[in-house]
Amino acid sequence: MTEVSILFGIEGAKQAQGTAVIIDVFRAFTLEAYLYAFHAENIYAVASVEEALAWKQKDPSVLLCGERDGKICPGFDFGNSPGSIAGKDFSGKTIIHTTTNGVQGIASCEKASEVLTGSLVNAKATADYIRSQNPQLVSLVCMGWKGRQTEEDQLCADYLKALIEGKPFPQLEERALALKGQEGKKFFDPGQQDVFPEADFWMCIKHDLFPFVIQAVKEGSCCHNRKLEV
């Protein structure tokens, strides 16, 4: 039987063993799922803004997506907002992605035998994939925000754990909507709509939209976050 543990933050990522799922619902790995749904060819996660810009200098065809403190990085094509890419076609495009939390978790995950990204939009596919692999250990890592635990990542971890263990999770919709008054409040702040637009909230709390997982495979100093159909 698979043993599932829930860990938190960078330290949790460092401790993760077996199959690790690095969870960032608001917004890194939700964004990556939508990018693949909008036909992106490849996504590479890098730890630093400088590495992303250097990649763009060598290959101007790549698109840079990323944020620091929620705000789009200077010189980047997109921030970390799913709403900003809605309706766009990324066919054939390679994306270079860097964020404050989620991507750093992947970079810190050294002990795991396999690393997946975690979000609500492909949670069932992720759980189905894990069940098909039947690992002995699964580590669900909630990245939170700057070292602080957050409700949306905890929700995703709880939901994934239930799915992996074959247990019901009837409170999903209620807990997802409750995020509006918790960590999701920033998406409804009129003064932060340029950084945290309301559309992002609704895109991030949708669940089980996509039938694929995103597997993070280290390639040198970056990770190839590649789509695997389930």
C-alpha atoms as a PDB file:
ATOM      1  CA  MET A   1       0.000   0.000   0.000  1.00  0.00           C
ATOM      2  CA  THR A   2       1.236   3.477  -0.918  1.00  0.00           C
ATOM      3  CA  GLU A   3       2.199   5.680   2.027  1.00  0.00           C
ATOM      4  CA  VAL A   4       1.220   9.318   1.452  1.00  0.00           C
ATOM      5  CA  SER A   5       2.716  12.185   3.456  1.00  0.00           C
ATOM      6  CA  ILE A   6       2.056  15.934   3.270  1.00  0.00           C
ATOM      7  CA  LEU A   7       5.038  18.283   3.600  1.00  0.00           C
ATOM      8  CA  PHE A   8       5.476  22.036   3.415  1.00  0.00           C
ATOM      9  CA  GLY A   9       7.707  24.566   1.691  1.00  0.00           C
ATOM     10  CA  ILE A  10      11.313  24.361   0.599  1.00  0.00           C
ATOM     11  CA  GLU A  11      12.240  22.190   3.567  1.00  0.00           C
ATOM     12  CA  GLY A  12       9.454  19.814   2.647  1.00  0.00           C
ATOM     13  CA  ALA A  13      10.725  19.645  -0.926  1.00  0.00           C
ATOM     14  CA  LYS A  14      14.201  18.818   0.367  1.00  0.00           C
ATOM     15  CA  GLN A  15      12.767  16.006   2.496  1.00  0.00           C
ATOM     16  CA  ALA A  16      10.407  14.587  -0.152  1.00  0.00           C
ATOM     17  CA  GLN A  17      10.973  10.949  -1.082  1.00  0.00           C
ATOM     18  CA  GLY A  18       9.444   8.483  -3.500  1.00  0.00           C
ATOM     19  CA  THR A  19       7.087  10.206  -5.922  1.00  0.00           C
ATOM     20  CA  ALA A  20       7.041  13.891  -5.014  1.00  0.00           C
ATOM     21  CA  VAL A  21       4.231  16.223  -6.071  1.00  0.00           C
ATOM     22  CA  ILE A  22       5.257  19.874  -5.772  1.00  0.00           C
ATOM     23  CA  ILE A  23       1.999  21.781  -5.343  1.00  0.00           C
ATOM     24  CA  ASP A  24       1.486  25.411  -6.337  1.00  0.00           C
ATOM     25  CA  VAL A  25      -2.183  26.134  -7.080  1.00  0.00           C
ATOM     26  CA  PHE A  26      -1.864  29.963  -6.968  1.00  0.00           C
ATOM     27  CA  ARG A  27      -0.440  30.000  -9.644  1.00  0.00           C
ATOM     28  CA  ALA A  28       2.711  28.373 -11.053  1.00  0.00           C
ATOM     29  CA  PHE A  29       1.589  24.869 -11.849  1.00  0.00           C
ATOM     30  CA  THR A  30      -1.932  25.876 -12.756  1.00  0.00           C
ATOM     31  CA  LEU A  31      -0.356  28.189 -15.332  1.00  0.00           C
ATOM     32  CA  GLU A  32       1.822  25.379 -16.714  1.00  0.00           C
ATOM     33  CA  ALA A  33      -1.209  23.123 -17.136  1.00  0.00           C
ATOM     34  CA  TYR A  34      -3.053  25.815 -19.078  1.00  0.00           C
ATOM     35  CA  LEU A  35       0.047  26.475 -21.209  1.00  0.00           C
ATOM     36  CA  TYR A  36       0.084  22.829 -22.234  1.00  0.00           C
ATOM     37  CA  ALA A  37      -3.685  22.893 -22.790  1.00  0.00           C
ATOM     38  CA  PHE A  38      -3.067  25.858 -25.098  1.00  0.00           C
ATOM     39  CA  HIS A  39      -0.595  23.717 -27.093  1.00  0.00           C
ATOM     40  CA  ALA A  40       2.801  24.773 -25.727  1.00  0.00           C
ATOM     41  CA  GLU A  41       5.444  22.286 -26.879  1.00  0.00           C
ATOM     42  CA  ASN A  42       7.843  22.396 -23.913  1.00  0.00           C
ATOM     43  CA  ILE A  43       8.176  24.117 -20.545  1.00  0.00           C
ATOM     44  CA  TYR A  44      11.515  24.490 -18.786  1.00  0.00           C
ATOM     45  CA  ALA A  45      11.606  25.639 -15.170  1.00  0.00           C
ATOM     46  CA  VAL A  46      14.625  27.671 -14.053  1.00  0.00           C
ATOM     47  CA  ALA A  47      15.433  28.947 -10.576  1.00  0.00           C
ATOM     48  CA  SER A  48      16.588  32.465 -11.474  1.00  0.00           C
ATOM     49  CA  VAL A  49      15.436  35.387 -13.567  1.00  0.00           C
ATOM     50  CA  GLU A  50      18.983  35.738 -14.885  1.00  0.00           C
ATOM     51  CA  GLU A  51      19.001  32.193 -16.267  1.00  0.00           C
ATOM     52  CA  ALA A  52      15.700  32.788 -18.032  1.00  0.00           C
ATOM     53  CA  LEU A  53      16.936  36.016 -19.626  1.00  0.00           C
ATOM     54  CA  ALA A  54      20.175  34.330 -20.700  1.00  0.00           C
ATOM     55  CA  TRP A  55      18.151  31.583 -22.385  1.00  0.00           C
ATOM     56  CA  LYS A  56      16.121  34.205 -24.272  1.00  0.00           C
ATOM     57  CA  GLN A  57      19.303  35.924 -25.393  1.00  0.00           C
ATOM     58  CA  LYS A  58      20.604  32.662 -26.861  1.00  0.00           C
ATOM     59  CA  ASP A  59      17.233  31.676 -28.349  1.00  0.00           C
ATOM     60  CA  PRO A  60      14.882  34.609 -29.028  1.00  0.00           C
ATOM     61  CA  SER A  61      12.098  32.205 -30.073  1.00  0.00           C
ATOM     62  CA  VAL A  62      11.421  31.098 -26.480  1.00  0.00           C
ATOM     63  CA  LEU A  63       8.800  32.824 -24.349  1.00  0.00           C
ATOM     64  CA  LEU A  64       9.588  33.861 -20.790  1.00  0.00           C
ATOM     65  CA  CYS A  65       6.918  33.467 -18.099  1.00  0.00           C
ATOM     66  CA  GLY A  66       7.523  34.349 -14.489  1.00  0.00           C
ATOM     67  CA  GLU A  67       7.145  36.525 -11.442  1.00  0.00           C
ATOM     68  CA  ARG A  68       8.799  37.793  -8.333  1.00  0.00           C
ATOM     69  CA  ASP A  69       6.487  38.912  -5.524  1.00  0.00           C
ATOM     70  CA  GLY A  70       3.626  38.126  -7.901  1.00  0.00           C
ATOM     71  CA  LYS A  71       4.721  40.747 -10.455  1.00  0.00           C
ATOM     72  CA  ILE A  72       5.888  39.986 -13.984  1.00  0.00           C
ATOM     73  CA  CYS A  73       9.671  39.947 -14.235  1.00  0.00           C
ATOM     74  CA  PRO A  74      11.136  42.801 -16.301  1.00  0.00           C
ATOM     75  CA  GLY A  75      11.923  41.699 -19.844  1.00  0.00           C
ATOM     76  CA  PHE A  76       9.522  38.729 -19.693  1.00  0.00           C
ATOM     77  CA  ASP A  77       6.734  38.011 -22.176  1.00  0.00           C
ATOM     78  CA  PHE A  78       4.202  36.953 -19.526  1.00  0.00           C
ATOM     79  CA  GLY A  79       3.899  36.915 -15.773  1.00  0.00           C
ATOM     80  CA  ASN A  80       2.490  34.002 -13.787  1.00  0.00           C
ATOM     81  CA  SER A  81      -1.157  34.727 -14.555  1.00  0.00           C
ATOM     82  CA  PRO A  82      -3.338  32.070 -16.202  1.00  0.00           C
ATOM     83  CA  GLY A  83      -5.768  34.825 -17.153  1.00  0.00           C
ATOM     84  CA  SER A  84      -3.104  36.602 -19.186  1.00  0.00           C
ATOM     85  CA  ILE A  85      -2.670  33.603 -21.501  1.00  0.00           C
ATOM     86  CA  ALA A  86      -6.338  32.658 -21.876  1.00  0.00           C
ATOM     87  CA  GLY A  87      -7.324  32.222 -25.515  1.00  0.00           C
ATOM     88  CA  LYS A  88      -3.757  32.403 -26.844  1.00  0.00           C
ATOM     89  CA  ASP A  89      -2.219  29.721 -29.039  1.00  0.00           C
ATOM     90  CA  PHE A  90       1.216  28.522 -27.910  1.00  0.00           C
ATOM     91  CA  SER A  91       1.597  25.877 -30.620  1.00  0.00           C
ATOM     92  CA  GLY A  92       5.252  24.936 -31.101  1.00  0.00           C
ATOM     93  CA  LYS A  93       6.417  27.318 -28.394  1.00  0.00           C
ATOM     94  CA  THR A  94       8.995  26.619 -25.708  1.00  0.00           C
ATOM     95  CA  ILE A  95       8.305  28.343 -22.389  1.00  0.00           C
ATOM     96  CA  ILE A  96      10.945  29.270 -19.811  1.00  0.00           C
ATOM     97  CA  HIS A  97       9.273  29.602 -16.404  1.00  0.00           C
ATOM     98  CA  THR A  98      10.521  30.955 -13.081  1.00  0.00           C
ATOM     99  CA  THR A  99       8.528  31.765  -9.933  1.00  0.00           C
ATOM    100  CA  THR A 100       8.934  32.685  -6.289  1.00  0.00           C
ATOM    101  CA  ASN A 101       7.606  29.425  -4.857  1.00  0.00           C
ATOM    102  CA  GLY A 102       6.649  26.481  -7.057  1.00  0.00           C
ATOM    103  CA  VAL A 103       9.678  26.386  -9.316  1.00  0.00           C
ATOM    104  CA  GLN A 104      11.969  26.761  -6.307  1.00  0.00           C
ATOM    105  CA  GLY A 105      10.335  23.660  -4.830  1.00  0.00           C
ATOM    106  CA  ILE A 106      11.224  21.619  -7.901  1.00  0.00           C
ATOM    107  CA  ALA A 107      14.802  22.888  -7.766  1.00  0.00           C
ATOM    108  CA  SER A 108      15.036  21.811  -4.103  1.00  0.00           C
ATOM    109  CA  CYS A 109      13.674  18.296  -4.627  1.00  0.00           C
ATOM    110  CA  GLU A 110      16.800  16.120  -4.496  1.00  0.00           C
ATOM    111  CA  LYS A 111      15.750  12.875  -2.764  1.00  0.00           C
ATOM    112  CA  ALA A 112      12.629  11.972  -4.738  1.00  0.00           C
ATOM    113  CA  SER A 113      12.691   9.234  -7.378  1.00  0.00           C
ATOM    114  CA  GLU A 114      10.131  11.111  -9.503  1.00  0.00           C
ATOM    115  CA  VAL A 115       8.833  14.685  -9.383  1.00  0.00           C
ATOM    116  CA  LEU A 116       5.412  15.847 -10.592  1.00  0.00           C
ATOM    117  CA  THR A 117       3.783  19.255 -10.398  1.00  0.00           C
ATOM    118  CA  GLY A 118       0.526  19.661  -8.503  1.00  0.00           C
ATOM    119  CA  SER A 119      -2.563  21.783  -9.108  1.00  0.00           C
ATOM    120  CA  LEU A 120      -6.308  21.343  -8.935  1.00  0.00           C
ATOM    121  CA  VAL A 121      -6.818  21.566 -12.695  1.00  0.00           C
ATOM    122  CA  ASN A 122      -5.160  18.194 -13.292  1.00  0.00           C
ATOM    123  CA  ALA A 123      -5.393  16.649  -9.823  1.00  0.00           C
ATOM    124  CA  LYS A 124      -7.359  13.546 -10.837  1.00  0.00           C
ATOM    125  CA  ALA A 125      -4.989  12.813 -13.728  1.00  0.00           C
ATOM    126  CA  THR A 126      -2.039  13.191 -11.354  1.00  0.00           C
ATOM    127  CA  ALA A 127      -3.599  10.832  -8.822  1.00  0.00           C
ATOM    128  CA  ASP A 128      -4.515   8.317 -11.552  1.00  0.00           C
ATOM    129  CA  TYR A 129      -0.934   8.361 -12.810  1.00  0.00           C
ATOM    130  CA  ILE A 130       0.463   7.827  -9.305  1.00  0.00           C
ATOM    131  CA  ARG A 131      -1.951   4.951  -8.692  1.00  0.00           C
ATOM    132  CA  SER A 132      -0.881   3.330 -11.966  1.00  0.00           C
ATOM    133  CA  GLN A 133       2.771   3.522 -10.892  1.00  0.00           C
ATOM    134  CA  ASN A 134       1.967   2.192  -7.398  1.00  0.00           C
ATOM    135  CA  PRO A 135       4.956   3.798  -5.621  1.00  0.00           C
ATOM    136  CA  GLN A 136       5.765   2.844  -2.044  1.00  0.00           C
ATOM    137  CA  LEU A 137       6.038   6.485  -0.956  1.00  0.00           C
ATOM    138  CA  VAL A 138       4.314   9.665  -2.140  1.00  0.00           C
ATOM    139  CA  SER A 139       5.321  13.095  -0.814  1.00  0.00           C
ATOM    140  CA  LEU A 140       2.807  15.890  -1.401  1.00  0.00           C
ATOM    141  CA  VAL A 141       4.635  19.201  -0.917  1.00  0.00           C
ATOM    142  CA  CYS A 142       2.550  22.353  -0.363  1.00  0.00           C
ATOM    143  CA  MET A 143       4.731  25.267  -1.455  1.00  0.00           C
ATOM    144  CA  GLY A 144       2.569  28.037   0.005  1.00  0.00           C
ATOM    145  CA  TRP A 145       3.714  31.633  -0.306  1.00  0.00           C
ATOM    146  CA  LYS A 146       7.182  32.729   0.810  1.00  0.00           C
ATOM    147  CA  GLY A 147       7.451  30.079   3.497  1.00  0.00           C
ATOM    148  CA  ARG A 148       3.875  30.510   4.733  1.00  0.00           C
ATOM    149  CA  GLN A 149       1.401  27.640   4.453  1.00  0.00           C
ATOM    150  CA  THR A 150      -1.642  28.487   2.326  1.00  0.00           C
ATOM    151  CA  GLU A 151      -5.116  27.026   2.130  1.00  0.00           C
ATOM    152  CA  GLU A 152      -5.227  26.352  -1.614  1.00  0.00           C
ATOM    153  CA  ASP A 153      -2.130  24.157  -1.609  1.00  0.00           C
ATOM    154  CA  GLN A 154      -3.356  22.324   1.496  1.00  0.00           C
ATOM    155  CA  LEU A 155      -6.678  21.728  -0.263  1.00  0.00           C
ATOM    156  CA  CYS A 156      -4.924  20.303  -3.312  1.00  0.00           C
ATOM    157  CA  ALA A 157      -2.780  18.032  -1.127  1.00  0.00           C
ATOM    158  CA  ASP A 158      -5.804  16.784   0.824  1.00  0.00           C
ATOM    159  CA  TYR A 159      -7.689  16.119  -2.421  1.00  0.00           C
ATOM    160  CA  LEU A 160      -4.752  14.306  -4.021  1.00  0.00           C
ATOM    161  CA  LYS A 161      -4.266  12.192  -0.899  1.00  0.00           C
ATOM    162  CA  ALA A 162      -7.916  11.165  -0.931  1.00  0.00           C
ATOM    163  CA  LEU A 163      -7.781  10.302  -4.637  1.00  0.00           C
ATOM    164  CA  ILE A 164      -4.583   8.277  -4.268  1.00  0.00           C
ATOM    165  CA  GLU A 165      -6.057   6.396  -1.315  1.00  0.00           C
ATOM    166  CA  GLY A 166      -9.370   5.851  -3.094  1.00  0.00           C
ATOM    167  CA  LYS A 167     -11.358   7.803  -0.515  1.00  0.00           C
ATOM    168  CA  PRO A 168     -14.259  10.227  -1.130  1.00  0.00           C
ATOM    169  CA  PHE A 169     -13.689  13.955  -0.875  1.00  0.00           C
ATOM    170  CA  PRO A 170     -17.152  15.553  -0.804  1.00  0.00           C
ATOM    171  CA  GLN A 171     -15.998  18.940   0.518  1.00  0.00           C
ATOM    172  CA  LEU A 172     -13.921  19.910  -2.539  1.00  0.00           C
ATOM    173  CA  GLU A 173     -16.305  22.490  -4.036  1.00  0.00           C
ATOM    174  CA  GLU A 174     -17.066  24.084  -0.668  1.00  0.00           C
ATOM    175  CA  ARG A 175     -13.404  24.399   0.292  1.00  0.00           C
ATOM    176  CA  ALA A 176     -12.455  25.731  -3.137  1.00  0.00           C
ATOM    177  CA  LEU A 177     -15.045  28.505  -2.951  1.00  0.00           C
ATOM    178  CA  ALA A 178     -13.991  29.307   0.635  1.00  0.00           C
ATOM    179  CA  LEU A 179     -10.557  30.256  -0.726  1.00  0.00           C
ATOM    180  CA  LYS A 180     -12.161  33.511  -1.878  1.00  0.00           C
ATOM    181  CA  GLY A 181     -12.077  34.701   1.742  1.00  0.00           C
ATOM    182  CA  GLN A 182      -8.676  33.147   2.512  1.00  0.00           C
ATOM    183  CA  GLU A 183      -5.505  33.205   0.398  1.00  0.00           C
ATOM    184  CA  GLY A 184      -7.653  34.013  -2.632  1.00  0.00           C
ATOM    185  CA  LYS A 185      -8.645  37.438  -1.260  1.00  0.00           C
ATOM    186  CA  LYS A 186      -5.886  39.141  -3.243  1.00  0.00           C
ATOM    187  CA  PHE A 187      -7.641  38.231  -6.497  1.00  0.00           C
ATOM    188  CA  PHE A 188     -10.613  40.370  -5.453  1.00  0.00           C
ATOM    189  CA  ASP A 189      -8.621  43.391  -4.271  1.00  0.00           C
ATOM    190  CA  PRO A 190      -9.264  46.272  -6.723  1.00  0.00           C
ATOM    191  CA  GLY A 191      -5.791  47.627  -5.974  1.00  0.00           C
ATOM    192  CA  GLN A 192      -4.052  44.395  -7.058  1.00  0.00           C
ATOM    193  CA  GLN A 193      -5.862  43.525 -10.291  1.00  0.00           C
ATOM    194  CA  ASP A 194      -2.752  44.237 -12.369  1.00  0.00           C
ATOM    195  CA  VAL A 195      -0.850  41.547 -10.437  1.00  0.00           C
ATOM    196  CA  PHE A 196      -3.592  39.188  -9.202  1.00  0.00           C
ATOM    197  CA  PRO A 197      -6.550  39.494 -11.609  1.00  0.00           C
ATOM    198  CA  GLU A 198      -9.852  37.967 -10.528  1.00  0.00           C
ATOM    199  CA  ALA A 199      -9.897  35.687 -13.576  1.00  0.00           C
ATOM    200  CA  ASP A 200      -6.887  33.843 -12.150  1.00  0.00           C
ATOM    201  CA  PHE A 201      -8.833  32.792  -9.080  1.00  0.00           C
ATOM    202  CA  TRP A 202     -11.589  31.123 -11.051  1.00  0.00           C
ATOM    203  CA  MET A 203      -9.134  29.437 -13.418  1.00  0.00           C
ATOM    204  CA  CYS A 204      -7.048  28.125 -10.512  1.00  0.00           C
ATOM    205  CA  ILE A 205      -9.902  26.598  -8.487  1.00  0.00           C
ATOM    206  CA  LYS A 206     -11.308  24.558 -11.376  1.00  0.00           C
ATOM    207  CA  HIS A 207     -10.572  20.906 -10.816  1.00  0.00           C
ATOM    208  CA  ASP A 208      -9.863  17.912 -13.023  1.00  0.00           C
ATOM    209  CA  LEU A 209      -9.953  19.787 -16.332  1.00  0.00           C
ATOM    210  CA  PHE A 210      -6.954  18.185 -17.996  1.00  0.00           C
ATOM    211  CA  PRO A 211      -6.101  14.502 -18.625  1.00  0.00           C
ATOM    212  CA  PHE A 212      -2.346  14.871 -18.289  1.00  0.00           C
ATOM    213  CA  VAL A 213       0.355  15.125 -15.652  1.00  0.00           C
ATOM    214  CA  ILE A 214       3.413  17.360 -15.672  1.00  0.00           C
ATOM    215  CA  GLN A 215       6.604  15.517 -14.826  1.00  0.00           C
ATOM    216  CA  ALA A 216       9.672  17.549 -13.840  1.00  0.00           C
ATOM    217  CA  VAL A 217      12.900  16.011 -15.160  1.00  0.00           C
ATOM    218  CA  LYS A 218      16.186  17.695 -14.300  1.00  0.00           C
ATOM    219  CA  GLU A 219      18.320  18.639 -17.280  1.00  0.00           C
ATOM    220  CA  GLY A 220      21.453  20.408 -16.139  1.00  0.00           C
ATOM    221  CA  SER A 221      20.558  23.519 -14.173  1.00  0.00           C
ATOM    222  CA  CYS A 222      16.907  23.495 -15.276  1.00  0.00           C
ATOM    223  CA  CYS A 223      13.938  21.128 -15.166  1.00  0.00           C
ATOM    224  CA  HIS A 224      12.030  19.989 -18.231  1.00  0.00           C
ATOM    225  CA  ASN A 225       8.428  20.092 -17.036  1.00  0.00           C
ATOM    226  CA  ARG A 226       7.006  17.790 -19.651  1.00  0.00           C
ATOM    227  CA  LYS A 227       3.421  16.776 -20.324  1.00  0.00           C
ATOM    228  CA  LEU A 228       2.525  13.093 -20.001  1.00  0.00           C
ATOM    229  CA  GLU A 229      -0.913  11.971 -21.129  1.00  0.00           C
ATOM    230  CA  VAL A 230      -2.691   9.706 -18.654  1.00  0.00           C
END
